[in-house]
Amino acid sequence: MNYEDVVKSFEEAGYTNITVNLDYDIITGWLIDEG
């Protein structure tokens, strides 16, 4: 299941105002060492 499947599931459940936002923090979190 990917994000498109999740969006489709919400639309089928009756939700109409669905937006998808990319979150780059996940990628930079791997590249930047914490601490």
N, C-alpha and C. Protein backbone atom coordinates (compact mmCIF):
# COMPACT_ATOMS: atom_id res chain seq x y z
N MET A 1 0.86 -1.18 0.00
CA MET A 1 0.00 0.00 0.00
C MET A 1 0.90 1.24 0.00
N ASN A 2 0.66 2.14 -0.93
CA ASN A 2 1.41 3.39 -0.96
C ASN A 2 0.47 4.55 -0.66
N TYR A 3 1.01 5.75 -0.72
CA TYR A 3 0.20 6.91 -0.33
C TYR A 3 -0.99 7.11 -1.25
N GLU A 4 -0.86 6.72 -2.53
CA GLU A 4 -1.99 6.89 -3.45
C GLU A 4 -3.15 5.98 -3.06
N ASP A 5 -2.84 4.78 -2.57
CA ASP A 5 -3.88 3.87 -2.10
C ASP A 5 -4.59 4.45 -0.87
N VAL A 6 -3.81 5.07 0.01
CA VAL A 6 -4.39 5.67 1.22
C VAL A 6 -5.31 6.82 0.85
N VAL A 7 -4.88 7.68 -0.08
CA VAL A 7 -5.71 8.80 -0.53
C VAL A 7 -6.99 8.27 -1.15
N LYS A 8 -6.89 7.24 -1.97
CA LYS A 8 -8.08 6.65 -2.60
C LYS A 8 -9.04 6.10 -1.55
N SER A 9 -8.50 5.47 -0.51
CA SER A 9 -9.34 4.93 0.56
C SER A 9 -10.11 6.04 1.27
N PHE A 10 -9.43 7.16 1.55
CA PHE A 10 -10.11 8.28 2.18
C PHE A 10 -11.18 8.85 1.27
N GLU A 11 -10.88 8.98 -0.03
CA GLU A 11 -11.87 9.50 -0.97
C GLU A 11 -13.09 8.59 -1.05
N GLU A 12 -12.87 7.29 -1.02
CA GLU A 12 -13.99 6.35 -1.07
C GLU A 12 -14.81 6.40 0.22
N ALA A 13 -14.17 6.82 1.32
CA ALA A 13 -14.88 6.94 2.59
C ALA A 13 -15.66 8.25 2.69
N GLY A 14 -15.51 9.13 1.69
CA GLY A 14 -16.29 10.35 1.68
C GLY A 14 -15.51 11.63 1.93
N TYR A 15 -14.22 11.51 2.20
CA TYR A 15 -13.41 12.71 2.40
C TYR A 15 -13.16 13.38 1.05
N THR A 16 -13.22 14.72 1.03
CA THR A 16 -13.09 15.43 -0.24
C THR A 16 -11.90 16.39 -0.27
N ASN A 17 -11.44 16.85 0.88
CA ASN A 17 -10.37 17.84 0.92
C ASN A 17 -9.09 17.16 1.41
N ILE A 18 -8.43 16.42 0.54
CA ILE A 18 -7.24 15.66 0.90
C ILE A 18 -6.04 16.26 0.19
N THR A 19 -5.00 16.58 0.95
CA THR A 19 -3.77 17.08 0.36
C THR A 19 -2.62 16.18 0.79
N VAL A 20 -1.63 16.07 -0.07
CA VAL A 20 -0.45 15.26 0.22
C VAL A 20 0.75 16.20 0.23
N ASN A 21 1.50 16.19 1.32
CA ASN A 21 2.68 17.05 1.46
C ASN A 21 3.92 16.19 1.61
N LEU A 22 4.95 16.53 0.86
CA LEU A 22 6.22 15.84 0.99
C LEU A 22 6.92 16.31 2.26
N ASP A 23 7.53 15.38 2.97
CA ASP A 23 8.25 15.71 4.20
C ASP A 23 9.70 15.34 4.01
N TYR A 24 10.53 16.36 3.77
CA TYR A 24 11.94 16.13 3.51
C TYR A 24 12.75 15.90 4.77
N ASP A 25 12.14 16.10 5.94
CA ASP A 25 12.86 15.90 7.19
C ASP A 25 13.32 14.46 7.35
N ILE A 26 12.59 13.52 6.78
CA ILE A 26 12.97 12.12 6.87
C ILE A 26 14.31 11.90 6.19
N ILE A 27 14.48 12.48 5.00
CA ILE A 27 15.72 12.30 4.24
C ILE A 27 16.87 13.03 4.93
N THR A 28 16.65 14.29 5.33
CA THR A 28 17.74 15.03 5.96
C THR A 28 18.08 14.46 7.32
N GLY A 29 17.13 13.81 7.96
CA GLY A 29 17.42 13.16 9.24
C GLY A 29 18.44 12.04 9.09
N TRP A 30 18.44 11.39 7.93
CA TRP A 30 19.44 10.34 7.69
C TRP A 30 20.81 10.95 7.40
N LEU A 31 20.83 12.15 6.81
CA LEU A 31 22.08 12.75 6.39
C LEU A 31 22.74 13.59 7.48
N ILE A 32 21.95 14.08 8.42
CA ILE A 32 22.48 14.96 9.47
C ILE A 32 22.52 14.18 10.78
N ASP A 33 23.69 14.10 11.38
CA ASP A 33 23.86 13.39 12.64
C ASP A 33 23.30 14.23 13.78
N GLU A 34 22.47 13.63 14.61
CA GLU A 34 21.90 14.34 15.74
C GLU A 34 22.94 14.49 16.84
N GLY A 35 22.90 15.62 17.54
CA GLY A 35 23.65 15.71 18.73
C GLY A 35 24.78 16.63 18.77
